[in-house]
Amino acid sequence: MYRIDNKEYPCSTSLTMKYIGGKWKAVILMHLMKPKRYNQLRKELPMVTERTISLQLKELEQDGLVLRTVYAEKPPLRVEYGLTEFGRTLIPLLTSIAAWGKKAASRQTGIEELPQQGTGGA
C-alpha cells in the first residue's frame, strides 16, 4: 500500500497509473521524449483540445515528470516542455506500451494504421 497526499494506492500499479493514467498523459509523455514547444505538441496532437493539453502538462509538471523551461528571449518568450530525469525513467515503459499497441492492432481486423501527424511515435 502507498499513500501520497493522503490518497492511498493499493499497489505499485495503481500508483504508476496515478502518474500516467488517463486518456492523454502517456501520449503526451511519449511525444515529449524530445523537448518541444507547446505549439509543436499541439500540431502533433490535433485531436486533443488545447485545454486538455494544458491541464495534462500542468499535472505532469506537478508530478515531476515534465519540465517547463522558459527562455527569456525578446520577442517572443519561448517555452519548451521536456521530460525530467524522473520522467525519462518512463521511456522503456512508454516504448513497451507503444509496441504492445502495435501488436494488438495487428491482431484486430478493421484497424488501419494511419500516417503520423508529427514525430513522437505514440
N, C-alpha and C. Protein backbone atom coordinates (compact mmCIF):
# COMPACT_ATOMS: atom_id res chain seq x y z
N MET A 1 0.85 -1.17 0.00
CA MET A 1 0.00 0.00 0.00
C MET A 1 0.90 1.24 0.00
N TYR A 2 0.46 2.25 -0.74
CA TYR A 2 1.19 3.51 -0.84
C TYR A 2 0.24 4.66 -0.52
N ARG A 3 0.79 5.73 0.03
CA ARG A 3 -0.02 6.92 0.31
C ARG A 3 0.75 8.15 -0.18
N ILE A 4 0.05 8.96 -0.98
CA ILE A 4 0.60 10.23 -1.46
C ILE A 4 -0.49 11.28 -1.27
N ASP A 5 -0.16 12.37 -0.60
CA ASP A 5 -1.12 13.46 -0.37
C ASP A 5 -2.44 12.93 0.20
N ASN A 6 -2.32 12.06 1.19
CA ASN A 6 -3.48 11.48 1.87
C ASN A 6 -4.37 10.62 0.98
N LYS A 7 -3.89 10.23 -0.20
CA LYS A 7 -4.62 9.31 -1.05
C LYS A 7 -3.87 7.98 -1.06
N GLU A 8 -4.61 6.90 -0.86
CA GLU A 8 -3.98 5.58 -0.78
C GLU A 8 -4.09 4.85 -2.11
N TYR A 9 -3.03 4.12 -2.42
CA TYR A 9 -2.95 3.30 -3.62
C TYR A 9 -2.66 1.88 -3.17
N PRO A 10 -3.48 0.91 -3.58
CA PRO A 10 -3.35 -0.45 -3.06
C PRO A 10 -2.10 -1.21 -3.54
N CYS A 11 -1.52 -0.74 -4.68
CA CYS A 11 -0.36 -1.45 -5.22
C CYS A 11 0.47 -0.50 -6.08
N SER A 12 1.64 -0.96 -6.48
CA SER A 12 2.52 -0.11 -7.29
C SER A 12 1.93 0.17 -8.67
N THR A 13 1.11 -0.74 -9.20
CA THR A 13 0.48 -0.50 -10.49
C THR A 13 -0.49 0.68 -10.40
N SER A 14 -1.29 0.73 -9.35
CA SER A 14 -2.22 1.85 -9.21
C SER A 14 -1.47 3.15 -8.99
N LEU A 15 -0.33 3.08 -8.31
CA LEU A 15 0.50 4.27 -8.12
C LEU A 15 1.06 4.75 -9.47
N THR A 16 1.50 3.82 -10.29
CA THR A 16 2.01 4.16 -11.63
C THR A 16 0.91 4.84 -12.45
N MET A 17 -0.31 4.30 -12.37
CA MET A 17 -1.41 4.86 -13.14
C MET A 17 -1.79 6.26 -12.66
N LYS A 18 -1.49 6.58 -11.39
CA LYS A 18 -1.70 7.94 -10.89
C LYS A 18 -0.87 8.92 -11.73
N TYR A 19 0.31 8.49 -12.12
CA TYR A 19 1.21 9.36 -12.89
C TYR A 19 0.90 9.38 -14.39
N ILE A 20 0.60 8.23 -14.97
CA ILE A 20 0.46 8.16 -16.43
C ILE A 20 -0.93 7.80 -16.90
N GLY A 21 -1.86 7.59 -15.97
CA GLY A 21 -3.22 7.19 -16.33
C GLY A 21 -3.99 8.30 -17.01
N GLY A 22 -5.11 7.94 -17.54
CA GLY A 22 -5.93 8.90 -18.26
C GLY A 22 -5.73 8.72 -19.75
N LYS A 23 -6.52 9.44 -20.50
CA LYS A 23 -6.53 9.26 -21.95
C LYS A 23 -5.29 9.80 -22.65
N TRP A 24 -4.68 10.87 -22.13
CA TRP A 24 -3.64 11.56 -22.90
C TRP A 24 -2.27 11.66 -22.24
N LYS A 25 -2.14 11.39 -20.95
CA LYS A 25 -0.85 11.59 -20.29
C LYS A 25 0.27 10.78 -20.91
N ALA A 26 0.05 9.49 -21.11
CA ALA A 26 1.11 8.65 -21.69
C ALA A 26 1.45 9.11 -23.10
N VAL A 27 0.46 9.53 -23.85
CA VAL A 27 0.68 10.01 -25.22
C VAL A 27 1.52 11.29 -25.20
N ILE A 28 1.18 12.20 -24.32
CA ILE A 28 1.95 13.44 -24.20
C ILE A 28 3.38 13.13 -23.78
N LEU A 29 3.55 12.26 -22.81
CA LEU A 29 4.90 11.88 -22.38
C LEU A 29 5.70 11.28 -23.52
N MET A 30 5.06 10.44 -24.32
CA MET A 30 5.73 9.82 -25.46
C MET A 30 6.22 10.90 -26.45
N HIS A 31 5.39 11.89 -26.68
CA HIS A 31 5.75 12.96 -27.61
C HIS A 31 6.83 13.88 -27.05
N LEU A 32 6.97 13.90 -25.74
CA LEU A 32 7.96 14.78 -25.12
C LEU A 32 9.30 14.08 -24.86
N MET A 33 9.50 12.92 -25.46
CA MET A 33 10.81 12.28 -25.33
C MET A 33 11.89 13.18 -25.91
N LYS A 34 11.50 13.99 -26.88
CA LYS A 34 12.35 15.06 -27.37
C LYS A 34 11.65 16.35 -27.00
N PRO A 35 12.36 17.31 -26.37
CA PRO A 35 11.71 18.55 -25.93
C PRO A 35 11.00 19.26 -27.08
N LYS A 36 9.86 19.86 -26.74
CA LYS A 36 9.05 20.54 -27.75
C LYS A 36 8.44 21.81 -27.18
N ARG A 37 8.18 22.73 -28.07
CA ARG A 37 7.39 23.90 -27.71
C ARG A 37 5.92 23.49 -27.72
N TYR A 38 5.12 24.26 -27.01
CA TYR A 38 3.70 23.93 -26.88
C TYR A 38 3.03 23.77 -28.25
N ASN A 39 3.29 24.72 -29.17
CA ASN A 39 2.65 24.66 -30.49
C ASN A 39 3.06 23.42 -31.28
N GLN A 40 4.29 22.96 -31.11
CA GLN A 40 4.71 21.72 -31.77
C GLN A 40 3.87 20.55 -31.25
N LEU A 41 3.71 20.51 -29.94
CA LEU A 41 2.92 19.45 -29.32
C LEU A 41 1.47 19.51 -29.80
N ARG A 42 0.91 20.69 -29.88
CA ARG A 42 -0.47 20.86 -30.38
C ARG A 42 -0.62 20.33 -31.79
N LYS A 43 0.35 20.60 -32.66
CA LYS A 43 0.29 20.13 -34.04
C LYS A 43 0.36 18.61 -34.12
N GLU A 44 1.11 18.01 -33.21
CA GLU A 44 1.25 16.55 -33.21
C GLU A 44 0.03 15.85 -32.61
N LEU A 45 -0.77 16.60 -31.85
CA LEU A 45 -1.95 16.02 -31.20
C LEU A 45 -3.21 16.82 -31.54
N PRO A 46 -3.57 16.88 -32.82
CA PRO A 46 -4.70 17.73 -33.21
C PRO A 46 -6.04 17.27 -32.64
N MET A 47 -6.13 16.02 -32.22
CA MET A 47 -7.40 15.52 -31.70
C MET A 47 -7.60 15.85 -30.22
N VAL A 48 -6.58 16.45 -29.59
CA VAL A 48 -6.66 16.81 -28.17
C VAL A 48 -6.88 18.32 -28.06
N THR A 49 -7.81 18.71 -27.22
CA THR A 49 -8.09 20.14 -27.07
C THR A 49 -6.93 20.86 -26.38
N GLU A 50 -6.83 22.15 -26.64
CA GLU A 50 -5.78 22.97 -26.00
C GLU A 50 -5.91 22.91 -24.49
N ARG A 51 -7.13 22.98 -24.00
CA ARG A 51 -7.38 22.95 -22.56
C ARG A 51 -6.86 21.64 -21.95
N THR A 52 -7.14 20.53 -22.62
CA THR A 52 -6.70 19.23 -22.11
C THR A 52 -5.18 19.15 -22.09
N ILE A 53 -4.53 19.58 -23.16
CA ILE A 53 -3.07 19.54 -23.20
C ILE A 53 -2.50 20.40 -22.08
N SER A 54 -3.03 21.60 -21.91
CA SER A 54 -2.54 22.49 -20.86
C SER A 54 -2.71 21.88 -19.47
N LEU A 55 -3.89 21.32 -19.20
CA LEU A 55 -4.13 20.70 -17.89
C LEU A 55 -3.22 19.50 -17.65
N GLN A 56 -3.08 18.68 -18.67
CA GLN A 56 -2.24 17.48 -18.52
C GLN A 56 -0.78 17.88 -18.32
N LEU A 57 -0.30 18.87 -19.06
CA LEU A 57 1.07 19.34 -18.88
C LEU A 57 1.29 19.86 -17.46
N LYS A 58 0.32 20.60 -16.92
CA LYS A 58 0.44 21.11 -15.55
C LYS A 58 0.50 19.97 -14.54
N GLU A 59 -0.35 18.96 -14.71
CA GLU A 59 -0.33 17.81 -13.81
C GLU A 59 0.99 17.05 -13.91
N LEU A 60 1.45 16.84 -15.13
CA LEU A 60 2.71 16.12 -15.34
C LEU A 60 3.89 16.91 -14.76
N GLU A 61 3.82 18.23 -14.85
CA GLU A 61 4.86 19.08 -14.26
C GLU A 61 4.81 18.99 -12.73
N GLN A 62 3.62 19.05 -12.15
CA GLN A 62 3.46 18.95 -10.70
C GLN A 62 3.95 17.60 -10.18
N ASP A 63 3.76 16.55 -10.98
CA ASP A 63 4.20 15.21 -10.58
C ASP A 63 5.70 14.99 -10.81
N GLY A 64 6.38 15.98 -11.38
CA GLY A 64 7.82 15.88 -11.57
C GLY A 64 8.25 15.09 -12.79
N LEU A 65 7.33 14.89 -13.74
CA LEU A 65 7.65 14.13 -14.95
C LEU A 65 8.03 15.02 -16.12
N VAL A 66 7.49 16.24 -16.13
CA VAL A 66 7.73 17.17 -17.24
C VAL A 66 8.34 18.45 -16.68
N LEU A 67 9.30 18.96 -17.42
CA LEU A 67 9.96 20.21 -17.07
C LEU A 67 9.54 21.28 -18.07
N ARG A 68 9.08 22.40 -17.54
CA ARG A 68 8.71 23.56 -18.36
C ARG A 68 9.85 24.55 -18.25
N THR A 69 10.50 24.82 -19.40
CA THR A 69 11.63 25.74 -19.42
C THR A 69 11.25 27.00 -20.18
N VAL A 70 11.43 28.13 -19.53
CA VAL A 70 11.13 29.42 -20.15
C VAL A 70 12.45 30.07 -20.55
N TYR A 71 12.56 30.40 -21.83
CA TYR A 71 13.74 31.09 -22.34
C TYR A 71 13.38 32.56 -22.49
N ALA A 72 14.09 33.41 -21.79
CA ALA A 72 13.78 34.85 -21.79
C ALA A 72 14.35 35.52 -23.03
N GLU A 73 13.79 35.17 -24.16
CA GLU A 73 14.20 35.79 -25.42
C GLU A 73 13.19 36.87 -25.76
N LYS A 74 13.65 37.94 -26.35
CA LYS A 74 12.73 39.02 -26.73
C LYS A 74 12.81 39.26 -28.21
N PRO A 75 11.69 39.54 -28.84
CA PRO A 75 10.48 38.78 -28.68
C PRO A 75 10.59 37.48 -29.44
N PRO A 76 9.79 36.52 -29.32
CA PRO A 76 8.81 36.31 -28.26
C PRO A 76 9.42 35.47 -27.14
N LEU A 77 8.72 35.36 -26.06
CA LEU A 77 9.10 34.49 -24.96
C LEU A 77 8.96 33.05 -25.46
N ARG A 78 9.96 32.23 -25.22
CA ARG A 78 9.93 30.84 -25.71
C ARG A 78 9.81 29.91 -24.52
N VAL A 79 8.84 28.99 -24.58
CA VAL A 79 8.63 27.99 -23.54
C VAL A 79 8.75 26.62 -24.19
N GLU A 80 9.50 25.75 -23.53
CA GLU A 80 9.72 24.41 -24.05
C GLU A 80 9.39 23.39 -22.97
N TYR A 81 8.81 22.27 -23.38
CA TYR A 81 8.48 21.18 -22.46
C TYR A 81 9.30 19.96 -22.81
N GLY A 82 9.77 19.27 -21.79
CA GLY A 82 10.53 18.04 -21.99
C GLY A 82 10.43 17.19 -20.74
N LEU A 83 10.95 15.99 -20.82
CA LEU A 83 10.90 15.08 -19.68
C LEU A 83 12.00 15.43 -18.68
N THR A 84 11.67 15.32 -17.41
CA THR A 84 12.67 15.46 -16.36
C THR A 84 13.46 14.16 -16.29
N GLU A 85 14.48 14.14 -15.45
CA GLU A 85 15.24 12.90 -15.23
C GLU A 85 14.29 11.79 -14.78
N PHE A 86 13.39 12.12 -13.85
CA PHE A 86 12.39 11.17 -13.36
C PHE A 86 11.47 10.74 -14.50
N GLY A 87 11.04 11.69 -15.31
CA GLY A 87 10.18 11.39 -16.45
C GLY A 87 10.85 10.48 -17.46
N ARG A 88 12.16 10.66 -17.65
CA ARG A 88 12.90 9.83 -18.61
C ARG A 88 12.94 8.36 -18.17
N THR A 89 12.74 8.10 -16.89
CA THR A 89 12.72 6.70 -16.44
C THR A 89 11.50 5.97 -16.99
N LEU A 90 10.51 6.71 -17.50
CA LEU A 90 9.32 6.09 -18.09
C LEU A 90 9.51 5.67 -19.54
N ILE A 91 10.59 6.09 -20.18
CA ILE A 91 10.78 5.81 -21.61
C ILE A 91 10.68 4.31 -21.93
N PRO A 92 11.35 3.42 -21.19
CA PRO A 92 11.19 1.99 -21.51
C PRO A 92 9.74 1.51 -21.39
N LEU A 93 9.04 2.00 -20.39
CA LEU A 93 7.63 1.62 -20.21
C LEU A 93 6.77 2.15 -21.36
N LEU A 94 6.95 3.42 -21.72
CA LEU A 94 6.17 4.01 -22.81
C LEU A 94 6.46 3.32 -24.14
N THR A 95 7.71 3.00 -24.37
CA THR A 95 8.09 2.29 -25.60
C THR A 95 7.44 0.91 -25.64
N SER A 96 7.42 0.24 -24.51
CA SER A 96 6.77 -1.08 -24.43
C SER A 96 5.27 -0.98 -24.67
N ILE A 97 4.64 0.04 -24.11
CA ILE A 97 3.21 0.24 -24.32
C ILE A 97 2.92 0.47 -25.80
N ALA A 98 3.73 1.30 -26.45
CA ALA A 98 3.55 1.56 -27.88
C ALA A 98 3.73 0.29 -28.71
N ALA A 99 4.74 -0.51 -28.38
CA ALA A 99 4.98 -1.77 -29.10
C ALA A 99 3.81 -2.74 -28.89
N TRP A 100 3.31 -2.81 -27.67
CA TRP A 100 2.17 -3.68 -27.39
C TRP A 100 0.95 -3.23 -28.19
N GLY A 101 0.74 -1.91 -28.28
CA GLY A 101 -0.38 -1.38 -29.05
C GLY A 101 -0.30 -1.78 -30.52
N LYS A 102 0.91 -1.76 -31.08
CA LYS A 102 1.08 -2.18 -32.48
C LYS A 102 0.74 -3.66 -32.64
N LYS A 103 1.18 -4.49 -31.69
CA LYS A 103 0.86 -5.92 -31.75
C LYS A 103 -0.64 -6.15 -31.62
N ALA A 104 -1.27 -5.44 -30.70
CA ALA A 104 -2.71 -5.58 -30.51
C ALA A 104 -3.46 -5.16 -31.78
N ALA A 105 -3.01 -4.07 -32.41
CA ALA A 105 -3.65 -3.60 -33.63
C ALA A 105 -3.51 -4.63 -34.75
N SER A 106 -2.37 -5.29 -34.82
CA SER A 106 -2.15 -6.27 -35.89
C SER A 106 -3.03 -7.51 -35.73
N ARG A 107 -3.52 -7.75 -34.52
CA ARG A 107 -4.38 -8.91 -34.26
C ARG A 107 -5.84 -8.64 -34.58
N GLN A 108 -6.19 -7.37 -34.70
CA GLN A 108 -7.59 -6.99 -34.90
C GLN A 108 -7.88 -6.79 -36.38
N THR A 109 -9.08 -7.11 -36.77
CA THR A 109 -9.48 -6.80 -38.14
C THR A 109 -10.12 -5.43 -38.16
N GLY A 110 -9.97 -4.74 -39.24
CA GLY A 110 -10.59 -3.44 -39.39
C GLY A 110 -9.79 -2.28 -38.79
N ILE A 111 -8.59 -2.56 -38.27
CA ILE A 111 -7.76 -1.48 -37.75
C ILE A 111 -6.77 -1.09 -38.83
N GLU A 112 -6.71 0.19 -39.11
CA GLU A 112 -5.83 0.71 -40.16
C GLU A 112 -4.83 1.68 -39.52
N GLU A 113 -3.53 1.46 -39.78
CA GLU A 113 -2.53 2.38 -39.28
C GLU A 113 -2.44 3.57 -40.22
N LEU A 114 -2.64 4.77 -39.68
CA LEU A 114 -2.61 5.99 -40.46
C LEU A 114 -1.24 6.65 -40.33
N PRO A 115 -0.86 7.48 -41.29
CA PRO A 115 0.41 8.21 -41.16
C PRO A 115 0.37 9.12 -39.95
N GLN A 116 1.53 9.28 -39.29
CA GLN A 116 1.60 10.12 -38.10
C GLN A 116 1.58 11.59 -38.47
N GLN A 117 0.94 12.39 -37.59
CA GLN A 117 0.88 13.85 -37.79
C GLN A 117 2.22 14.49 -37.58
N GLY A 118 2.97 13.99 -36.59
CA GLY A 118 4.28 14.55 -36.26
C GLY A 118 5.18 13.44 -35.82
N THR A 119 6.23 13.77 -35.07
CA THR A 119 7.11 12.76 -34.55
C THR A 119 6.78 12.49 -33.11
N GLY A 120 7.17 11.37 -32.63
CA GLY A 120 6.90 11.03 -31.25
C GLY A 120 6.55 9.56 -31.09
N GLY A 121 6.08 8.93 -32.16
CA GLY A 121 5.84 7.51 -32.16
C GLY A 121 4.67 7.04 -31.31
N ALA A 122 3.84 7.92 -30.86
CA ALA A 122 2.74 7.48 -29.99
C ALA A 122 1.58 6.95 -30.76
